């Protein structure tokens, strides 16, 4: 419940405040959002499985975002930023859909 509420509040604040993202930070923002969504869906899945731990959620959230940002930075330094960003998005996207499938099975027994 907490991850979902936090997500809704974060989206609402972003829409209301309309923050300006500095140009140097723009390549990292989509990766950070996808990494955060992966952690949120993983947290919801863990909650439904009865194994949710707030410490694990926070560590997962922060480590996913930092690792994804580090990979994008490394890709930029090597000149393959676009390809590495795509790889990170694909991997995290697969995890999001796996967690979503598990959530769907819990909620709809299907």
N, C-alpha and C. Protein backbone atom coordinates (compact mmCIF):
# COMPACT_ATOMS: atom_id res chain seq x y z
N UNK A 1 0.82 -1.19 0.00
CA UNK A 1 0.00 0.00 0.00
C UNK A 1 0.87 1.26 0.00
N UNK A 2 1.90 1.27 0.83
CA UNK A 2 2.77 2.43 0.94
C UNK A 2 3.47 2.73 -0.40
N UNK A 3 4.02 1.72 -1.10
CA UNK A 3 4.66 2.03 -2.37
C UNK A 3 3.69 2.65 -3.39
N UNK A 4 2.47 2.14 -3.43
CA UNK A 4 1.48 2.68 -4.36
C UNK A 4 1.11 4.11 -4.04
N UNK A 5 0.90 4.38 -2.75
CA UNK A 5 0.57 5.74 -2.32
C UNK A 5 1.73 6.69 -2.61
N UNK A 6 2.95 6.25 -2.34
CA UNK A 6 4.12 7.07 -2.61
C UNK A 6 4.25 7.37 -4.11
N UNK A 7 3.95 6.38 -4.93
CA UNK A 7 4.01 6.57 -6.38
C UNK A 7 2.98 7.61 -6.84
N UNK A 8 1.76 7.50 -6.33
CA UNK A 8 0.71 8.45 -6.70
C UNK A 8 1.07 9.86 -6.24
N UNK A 9 1.57 9.98 -5.01
CA UNK A 9 1.97 11.30 -4.50
C UNK A 9 3.12 11.88 -5.33
N UNK A 10 4.08 11.06 -5.68
CA UNK A 10 5.22 11.52 -6.48
C UNK A 10 4.79 11.98 -7.86
N UNK A 11 3.90 11.24 -8.50
CA UNK A 11 3.41 11.64 -9.82
C UNK A 11 2.62 12.94 -9.72
N UNK A 12 1.76 13.05 -8.70
CA UNK A 12 0.97 14.27 -8.51
C UNK A 12 1.87 15.49 -8.28
N UNK A 13 2.88 15.33 -7.42
CA UNK A 13 3.81 16.43 -7.18
C UNK A 13 4.56 16.83 -8.45
N UNK A 14 4.96 15.84 -9.22
CA UNK A 14 5.66 16.13 -10.47
C UNK A 14 4.79 16.88 -11.45
N UNK A 15 3.50 16.52 -11.52
CA UNK A 15 2.59 17.21 -12.42
C UNK A 15 2.27 18.62 -11.94
N UNK A 16 2.16 18.80 -10.64
CA UNK A 16 1.83 20.12 -10.09
C UNK A 16 3.02 21.07 -10.10
N UNK A 17 4.18 20.59 -9.71
CA UNK A 17 5.36 21.45 -9.58
C UNK A 17 6.11 21.65 -10.89
N UNK A 18 5.95 20.73 -11.83
CA UNK A 18 6.62 20.79 -13.13
C UNK A 18 8.11 21.12 -13.01
N UNK A 19 8.86 20.23 -12.38
CA UNK A 19 10.28 20.52 -12.19
C UNK A 19 11.04 20.54 -13.51
N UNK A 20 12.08 21.35 -13.57
CA UNK A 20 12.93 21.43 -14.75
C UNK A 20 14.14 20.53 -14.50
N UNK A 21 14.36 19.61 -15.41
CA UNK A 21 15.48 18.68 -15.29
C UNK A 21 16.67 19.27 -16.02
N UNK A 22 17.81 19.42 -15.35
CA UNK A 22 19.00 19.94 -16.03
C UNK A 22 19.39 19.06 -17.22
N UNK A 23 19.97 19.68 -18.22
CA UNK A 23 20.31 18.98 -19.45
C UNK A 23 21.24 17.79 -19.20
N UNK A 24 22.21 17.94 -18.30
CA UNK A 24 23.17 16.86 -18.04
C UNK A 24 22.52 15.67 -17.34
N UNK A 25 21.36 15.89 -16.71
CA UNK A 25 20.69 14.83 -15.97
C UNK A 25 19.63 14.11 -16.81
N UNK A 26 19.26 14.67 -17.94
CA UNK A 26 18.17 14.12 -18.74
C UNK A 26 18.38 12.68 -19.22
N UNK A 27 19.59 12.26 -19.59
CA UNK A 27 19.74 10.86 -20.01
C UNK A 27 19.49 9.86 -18.88
N UNK A 28 19.65 10.30 -17.64
CA UNK A 28 19.51 9.39 -16.51
C UNK A 28 18.08 9.29 -16.00
N UNK A 29 17.24 10.26 -16.29
CA UNK A 29 15.90 10.30 -15.74
C UNK A 29 15.03 9.11 -16.17
N UNK A 30 14.96 8.76 -17.46
CA UNK A 30 14.12 7.62 -17.83
C UNK A 30 14.59 6.32 -17.17
N UNK A 31 15.89 6.15 -17.06
CA UNK A 31 16.44 4.95 -16.44
C UNK A 31 16.07 4.92 -14.96
N UNK A 32 16.18 6.05 -14.30
CA UNK A 32 15.83 6.12 -12.87
C UNK A 32 14.36 5.83 -12.65
N UNK A 33 13.50 6.33 -13.54
CA UNK A 33 12.06 6.09 -13.40
C UNK A 33 11.76 4.60 -13.57
N UNK A 34 12.35 3.97 -14.56
CA UNK A 34 12.10 2.54 -14.78
C UNK A 34 12.67 1.72 -13.63
N UNK A 35 13.83 2.09 -13.11
CA UNK A 35 14.40 1.38 -11.96
C UNK A 35 13.50 1.54 -10.74
N UNK A 36 12.96 2.73 -10.54
CA UNK A 36 12.05 2.95 -9.41
C UNK A 36 10.77 2.14 -9.58
N UNK A 37 10.23 2.11 -10.80
CA UNK A 37 9.02 1.30 -11.04
C UNK A 37 9.28 -0.18 -10.78
N UNK A 38 10.47 -0.65 -11.14
CA UNK A 38 10.83 -2.04 -10.87
C UNK A 38 10.80 -2.31 -9.37
N UNK A 39 11.35 -1.40 -8.59
CA UNK A 39 11.35 -1.58 -7.14
C UNK A 39 9.93 -1.52 -6.57
N UNK A 40 9.11 -0.62 -7.09
CA UNK A 40 7.72 -0.49 -6.59
C UNK A 40 6.93 -1.75 -6.90
N UNK A 41 7.00 -2.24 -8.14
CA UNK A 41 6.28 -3.47 -8.47
C UNK A 41 6.82 -4.67 -7.70
N UNK A 42 8.12 -4.71 -7.47
CA UNK A 42 8.70 -5.77 -6.65
C UNK A 42 8.21 -5.68 -5.21
N UNK A 43 8.06 -4.46 -4.69
CA UNK A 43 7.54 -4.27 -3.35
C UNK A 43 6.09 -4.71 -3.22
N UNK A 44 5.28 -4.38 -4.21
CA UNK A 44 3.87 -4.80 -4.20
C UNK A 44 3.79 -6.32 -4.27
N UNK A 45 4.61 -6.92 -5.12
CA UNK A 45 4.62 -8.39 -5.21
C UNK A 45 5.02 -9.02 -3.88
N UNK A 46 6.06 -8.47 -3.25
CA UNK A 46 6.50 -9.00 -1.96
C UNK A 46 5.41 -8.84 -0.90
N UNK A 47 4.70 -7.73 -0.95
CA UNK A 47 3.61 -7.50 -0.01
C UNK A 47 2.52 -8.56 -0.18
N UNK A 48 2.16 -8.84 -1.42
CA UNK A 48 1.14 -9.86 -1.69
C UNK A 48 1.63 -11.26 -1.34
N UNK A 49 2.94 -11.49 -1.46
CA UNK A 49 3.51 -12.79 -1.09
C UNK A 49 3.68 -12.92 0.42
N UNK A 50 3.49 -11.82 1.13
CA UNK A 50 3.64 -11.83 2.59
C UNK A 50 5.08 -11.77 3.06
N UNK A 51 5.99 -11.31 2.21
CA UNK A 51 7.40 -11.26 2.59
C UNK A 51 7.97 -9.84 2.47
N UNK A 52 7.11 -8.83 2.45
CA UNK A 52 7.58 -7.46 2.30
C UNK A 52 8.39 -7.03 3.52
N UNK A 53 9.51 -6.40 3.25
CA UNK A 53 10.37 -5.85 4.29
C UNK A 53 10.75 -4.45 3.85
N UNK A 54 10.46 -3.46 4.69
CA UNK A 54 10.71 -2.08 4.30
C UNK A 54 12.19 -1.80 4.04
N UNK A 55 13.07 -2.42 4.78
CA UNK A 55 14.50 -2.23 4.56
C UNK A 55 14.92 -2.76 3.19
N UNK A 56 14.42 -3.94 2.86
CA UNK A 56 14.74 -4.53 1.56
C UNK A 56 14.19 -3.64 0.44
N UNK A 57 12.99 -3.09 0.64
CA UNK A 57 12.40 -2.22 -0.38
C UNK A 57 13.26 -0.98 -0.61
N UNK A 58 13.66 -0.33 0.46
CA UNK A 58 14.46 0.90 0.33
C UNK A 58 15.81 0.59 -0.31
N UNK A 59 16.46 -0.47 0.14
CA UNK A 59 17.76 -0.85 -0.44
C UNK A 59 17.59 -1.19 -1.91
N UNK A 60 16.54 -1.92 -2.26
CA UNK A 60 16.28 -2.28 -3.65
C UNK A 60 16.03 -1.03 -4.49
N UNK A 61 15.23 -0.13 -3.97
CA UNK A 61 14.89 1.10 -4.68
C UNK A 61 16.16 1.91 -4.97
N UNK A 62 16.96 2.14 -3.95
CA UNK A 62 18.17 2.96 -4.10
C UNK A 62 19.21 2.25 -4.96
N UNK A 63 19.43 0.97 -4.70
CA UNK A 63 20.46 0.26 -5.46
C UNK A 63 20.08 0.12 -6.93
N UNK A 64 18.80 -0.12 -7.24
CA UNK A 64 18.37 -0.18 -8.64
C UNK A 64 18.64 1.13 -9.35
N UNK A 65 18.25 2.24 -8.71
CA UNK A 65 18.44 3.55 -9.34
C UNK A 65 19.92 3.87 -9.52
N UNK A 66 20.73 3.60 -8.50
CA UNK A 66 22.16 3.90 -8.59
C UNK A 66 22.86 3.03 -9.63
N UNK A 67 22.55 1.74 -9.65
CA UNK A 67 23.19 0.86 -10.62
C UNK A 67 22.78 1.22 -12.04
N UNK A 68 21.51 1.52 -12.24
CA UNK A 68 21.06 1.91 -13.58
C UNK A 68 21.75 3.20 -14.02
N UNK A 69 21.84 4.18 -13.11
CA UNK A 69 22.52 5.44 -13.45
C UNK A 69 24.00 5.20 -13.74
N UNK A 70 24.63 4.33 -12.95
CA UNK A 70 26.04 4.02 -13.18
C UNK A 70 26.25 3.36 -14.54
N UNK A 71 25.36 2.46 -14.92
CA UNK A 71 25.48 1.81 -16.22
C UNK A 71 25.32 2.81 -17.37
N UNK A 72 24.36 3.73 -17.22
CA UNK A 72 24.18 4.74 -18.26
C UNK A 72 25.40 5.65 -18.33
N UNK A 73 25.93 6.05 -17.19
CA UNK A 73 27.12 6.89 -17.16
C UNK A 73 28.29 6.17 -17.82
N UNK A 74 28.48 4.91 -17.46
CA UNK A 74 29.56 4.12 -18.06
C UNK A 74 29.38 4.01 -19.57
N UNK A 75 28.14 3.78 -20.00
CA UNK A 75 27.87 3.71 -21.43
C UNK A 75 28.17 5.02 -22.13
N UNK A 76 27.84 6.14 -21.49
CA UNK A 76 28.17 7.45 -22.07
C UNK A 76 29.67 7.63 -22.19
N UNK A 77 30.40 7.22 -21.18
CA UNK A 77 31.85 7.36 -21.21
C UNK A 77 32.49 6.49 -22.28
N UNK A 78 31.89 5.34 -22.54
CA UNK A 78 32.42 4.42 -23.56
C UNK A 78 31.90 4.73 -24.96
N UNK A 79 30.94 5.66 -25.04
CA UNK A 79 30.38 6.02 -26.34
C UNK A 79 29.27 5.11 -26.81
N UNK A 80 28.76 4.29 -25.92
CA UNK A 80 27.66 3.37 -26.26
C UNK A 80 26.47 3.59 -25.31
N UNK A 81 26.26 4.85 -24.94
CA UNK A 81 25.22 5.17 -23.96
C UNK A 81 23.83 4.74 -24.38
N UNK A 82 23.50 4.94 -25.66
CA UNK A 82 22.17 4.57 -26.14
C UNK A 82 21.93 3.07 -26.07
N UNK A 83 22.91 2.30 -26.47
CA UNK A 83 22.77 0.85 -26.47
C UNK A 83 22.68 0.31 -25.04
N UNK A 84 23.52 0.84 -24.16
CA UNK A 84 23.50 0.36 -22.77
C UNK A 84 22.22 0.80 -22.07
N UNK A 85 21.73 1.99 -22.37
CA UNK A 85 20.46 2.44 -21.81
C UNK A 85 19.33 1.53 -22.25
N UNK A 86 19.34 1.15 -23.52
CA UNK A 86 18.32 0.24 -24.03
C UNK A 86 18.38 -1.11 -23.33
N UNK A 87 19.58 -1.60 -23.10
CA UNK A 87 19.74 -2.88 -22.41
C UNK A 87 19.19 -2.81 -20.99
N UNK A 88 19.47 -1.71 -20.29
CA UNK A 88 18.97 -1.54 -18.92
C UNK A 88 17.45 -1.48 -18.92
N UNK A 89 16.87 -0.73 -19.86
CA UNK A 89 15.42 -0.61 -19.96
C UNK A 89 14.79 -1.97 -20.23
N UNK A 90 15.38 -2.75 -21.12
CA UNK A 90 14.84 -4.07 -21.45
C UNK A 90 14.86 -4.98 -20.23
N UNK A 91 15.98 -5.04 -19.54
CA UNK A 91 16.10 -5.92 -18.37
C UNK A 91 15.11 -5.51 -17.28
N UNK A 92 15.07 -4.22 -16.98
CA UNK A 92 14.14 -3.77 -15.94
C UNK A 92 12.69 -3.92 -16.39
N UNK A 93 12.44 -3.71 -17.67
CA UNK A 93 11.09 -3.90 -18.20
C UNK A 93 10.63 -5.34 -18.06
N UNK A 94 11.51 -6.28 -18.33
CA UNK A 94 11.17 -7.70 -18.16
C UNK A 94 10.82 -7.98 -16.69
N UNK A 95 11.62 -7.43 -15.78
CA UNK A 95 11.34 -7.65 -14.35
C UNK A 95 10.01 -7.02 -13.94
N UNK A 96 9.71 -5.85 -14.48
CA UNK A 96 8.43 -5.20 -14.16
C UNK A 96 7.27 -6.07 -14.63
N UNK A 97 7.33 -6.59 -15.85
CA UNK A 97 6.26 -7.42 -16.36
C UNK A 97 6.16 -8.75 -15.61
N UNK A 98 7.27 -9.31 -15.16
CA UNK A 98 7.22 -10.53 -14.35
C UNK A 98 6.53 -10.25 -13.01
N UNK A 99 6.88 -9.14 -12.39
CA UNK A 99 6.24 -8.79 -11.12
C UNK A 99 4.76 -8.49 -11.33
N UNK A 100 4.43 -7.81 -12.42
CA UNK A 100 3.03 -7.51 -12.71
C UNK A 100 2.23 -8.78 -12.94
N UNK A 101 2.83 -9.76 -13.60
CA UNK A 101 2.15 -11.05 -13.80
C UNK A 101 1.90 -11.74 -12.47
N UNK A 102 2.87 -11.69 -11.57
CA UNK A 102 2.69 -12.30 -10.25
C UNK A 102 1.61 -11.56 -9.46
N UNK A 103 1.58 -10.23 -9.56
CA UNK A 103 0.54 -9.44 -8.88
C UNK A 103 -0.83 -9.80 -9.44
N UNK A 104 -0.92 -9.91 -10.75
CA UNK A 104 -2.19 -10.29 -11.38
C UNK A 104 -2.66 -11.66 -10.90
N UNK A 105 -1.73 -12.61 -10.80
CA UNK A 105 -2.09 -13.95 -10.32
C UNK A 105 -2.62 -13.89 -8.89
N UNK A 106 -2.01 -13.06 -8.06
CA UNK A 106 -2.47 -12.92 -6.68
C UNK A 106 -3.87 -12.31 -6.62
N UNK A 107 -4.08 -11.27 -7.38
CA UNK A 107 -5.33 -10.52 -7.28
C UNK A 107 -6.50 -11.21 -7.97
N UNK A 108 -6.25 -11.80 -9.14
CA UNK A 108 -7.33 -12.37 -9.94
C UNK A 108 -7.31 -13.89 -10.01
N UNK A 109 -6.33 -14.49 -9.37
CA UNK A 109 -6.18 -15.95 -9.40
C UNK A 109 -6.19 -16.48 -10.83
N UNK A 110 -5.57 -15.69 -11.73
CA UNK A 110 -5.54 -16.08 -13.14
C UNK A 110 -4.13 -15.99 -13.68
